[in-house]
Amino acid sequence: MIALLSTFKPNLILTDNLIGLVQAAEVIKEIKSFVHFKNISFILCSGHVDIKSIALEMSANAYLEKPFDLIELYCIIDTVLQGSINSAIE
């Protein structure tokens, strides 16, 4: 995973709360442990009822509650990438 990040250098990662058998919190923590990846923004997607608090706990920049529509997805991505706010979580 780290090799992929070094190759592609993403500005944003959109992830589900559960990635197979791994929780996104573990992935975000690992990625942010590398100094050169600290500026990557994360948007967490989940159908979990506590998605907002989960996203806050794992320092995600924003969250999307499933199901969501493409306009909502676009707006969140645009907000995070524009950097108009550090976090879209209210």
Protein backbone atom coordinates (compact mmCIF):
# COMPACT_ATOMS: atom_id res chain seq x y z
CA MET A 1 0.00 0.00 0.00
CA ILE A 2 2.78 2.45 0.89
CA ALA A 3 4.50 1.74 -2.44
CA LEU A 4 1.24 2.60 -4.25
CA LEU A 5 0.92 5.86 -2.34
CA SER A 6 4.50 6.77 -3.21
CA THR A 7 3.83 6.04 -6.87
CA PHE A 8 0.45 7.75 -7.27
CA LYS A 9 0.76 10.51 -4.61
CA PRO A 10 -2.99 11.01 -4.02
CA ASN A 11 -4.40 14.20 -2.52
CA LEU A 12 -7.46 12.37 -1.24
CA ILE A 13 -8.46 8.84 -0.30
CA LEU A 14 -12.13 7.84 -0.27
CA THR A 15 -12.57 4.74 1.86
CA ASP A 16 -15.25 2.61 3.40
CA ASN A 17 -15.14 2.16 7.17
CA LEU A 18 -14.62 -1.58 6.67
CA ILE A 19 -12.04 -2.67 4.11
CA GLY A 20 -12.33 -6.43 4.02
CA LEU A 21 -11.26 -7.55 7.47
CA VAL A 22 -9.49 -4.27 8.25
CA GLN A 23 -11.05 -1.11 9.63
CA ALA A 24 -10.28 2.18 7.93
CA ALA A 25 -8.95 3.59 11.21
CA GLU A 26 -6.00 1.19 11.02
CA VAL A 27 -5.28 2.13 7.41
CA ILE A 28 -5.53 5.89 8.06
CA LYS A 29 -3.32 5.61 11.13
CA GLU A 30 -0.67 3.68 9.18
CA ILE A 31 -0.71 6.11 6.26
CA LYS A 32 -0.55 9.19 8.49
CA SER A 33 2.37 7.69 10.40
CA PHE A 34 4.57 8.54 7.40
CA VAL A 35 5.57 12.20 7.38
CA HIS A 36 5.30 12.56 3.60
CA PHE A 37 1.69 11.26 3.64
CA LYS A 38 0.36 13.47 6.47
CA ASN A 39 -1.30 15.89 4.03
CA ILE A 40 -3.47 13.26 2.35
CA SER A 41 -7.15 13.95 3.03
CA PHE A 42 -9.56 11.14 3.91
CA ILE A 43 -13.29 10.83 3.31
CA LEU A 44 -14.91 7.99 5.20
CA CYS A 45 -18.02 6.24 3.84
CA SER A 46 -20.24 4.03 5.95
CA GLY A 47 -23.79 3.01 6.69
CA HIS A 48 -22.97 2.86 10.42
CA VAL A 49 -25.29 5.00 12.55
CA ASP A 50 -22.32 6.62 14.34
CA ILE A 51 -20.36 7.47 11.19
CA LYS A 52 -19.81 11.07 12.29
CA SER A 53 -18.16 10.11 15.58
CA ILE A 54 -16.18 7.32 13.90
CA ALA A 55 -14.87 9.79 11.30
CA LEU A 56 -13.91 12.26 14.03
CA GLU A 57 -12.09 9.56 16.02
CA MET A 58 -9.97 8.54 13.05
CA SER A 59 -9.22 12.11 11.95
CA ALA A 60 -10.99 11.78 8.61
CA ASN A 61 -11.51 15.12 6.86
CA ALA A 62 -15.11 14.30 5.98
CA TYR A 63 -17.64 11.50 5.90
CA LEU A 64 -20.48 10.28 3.73
CA GLU A 65 -23.37 8.33 5.15
CA LYS A 66 -24.49 5.48 2.90
CA PRO A 67 -26.45 5.54 0.76
CA PHE A 68 -25.29 8.80 -0.81
CA ASP A 69 -25.78 10.30 -4.24
CA LEU A 70 -23.11 11.42 -6.68
CA ILE A 71 -23.83 15.12 -6.21
CA GLU A 72 -23.25 14.78 -2.47
CA LEU A 73 -20.02 12.86 -3.15
CA TYR A 74 -18.83 15.52 -5.61
CA CYS A 75 -19.60 18.35 -3.16
CA ILE A 76 -17.70 16.70 -0.30
CA ILE A 77 -14.70 15.90 -2.52
CA ASP A 78 -14.68 19.46 -3.89
CA THR A 79 -14.88 20.97 -0.39
CA VAL A 80 -12.04 18.83 0.93
CA LEU A 81 -9.78 19.34 -2.10
CA GLN A 82 -10.38 23.09 -2.21
CA GLY A 83 -9.11 23.22 1.34
CA SER A 84 -11.69 25.84 2.19
CA ILE A 85 -12.06 24.01 5.47
CA ASN A 86 -9.64 21.60 7.11
CA SER A 87 -12.47 19.24 7.91
CA ALA A 88 -15.95 18.95 6.47
CA ILE A 89 -17.13 17.30 9.67
CA GLU A 90 -19.36 19.70 11.60
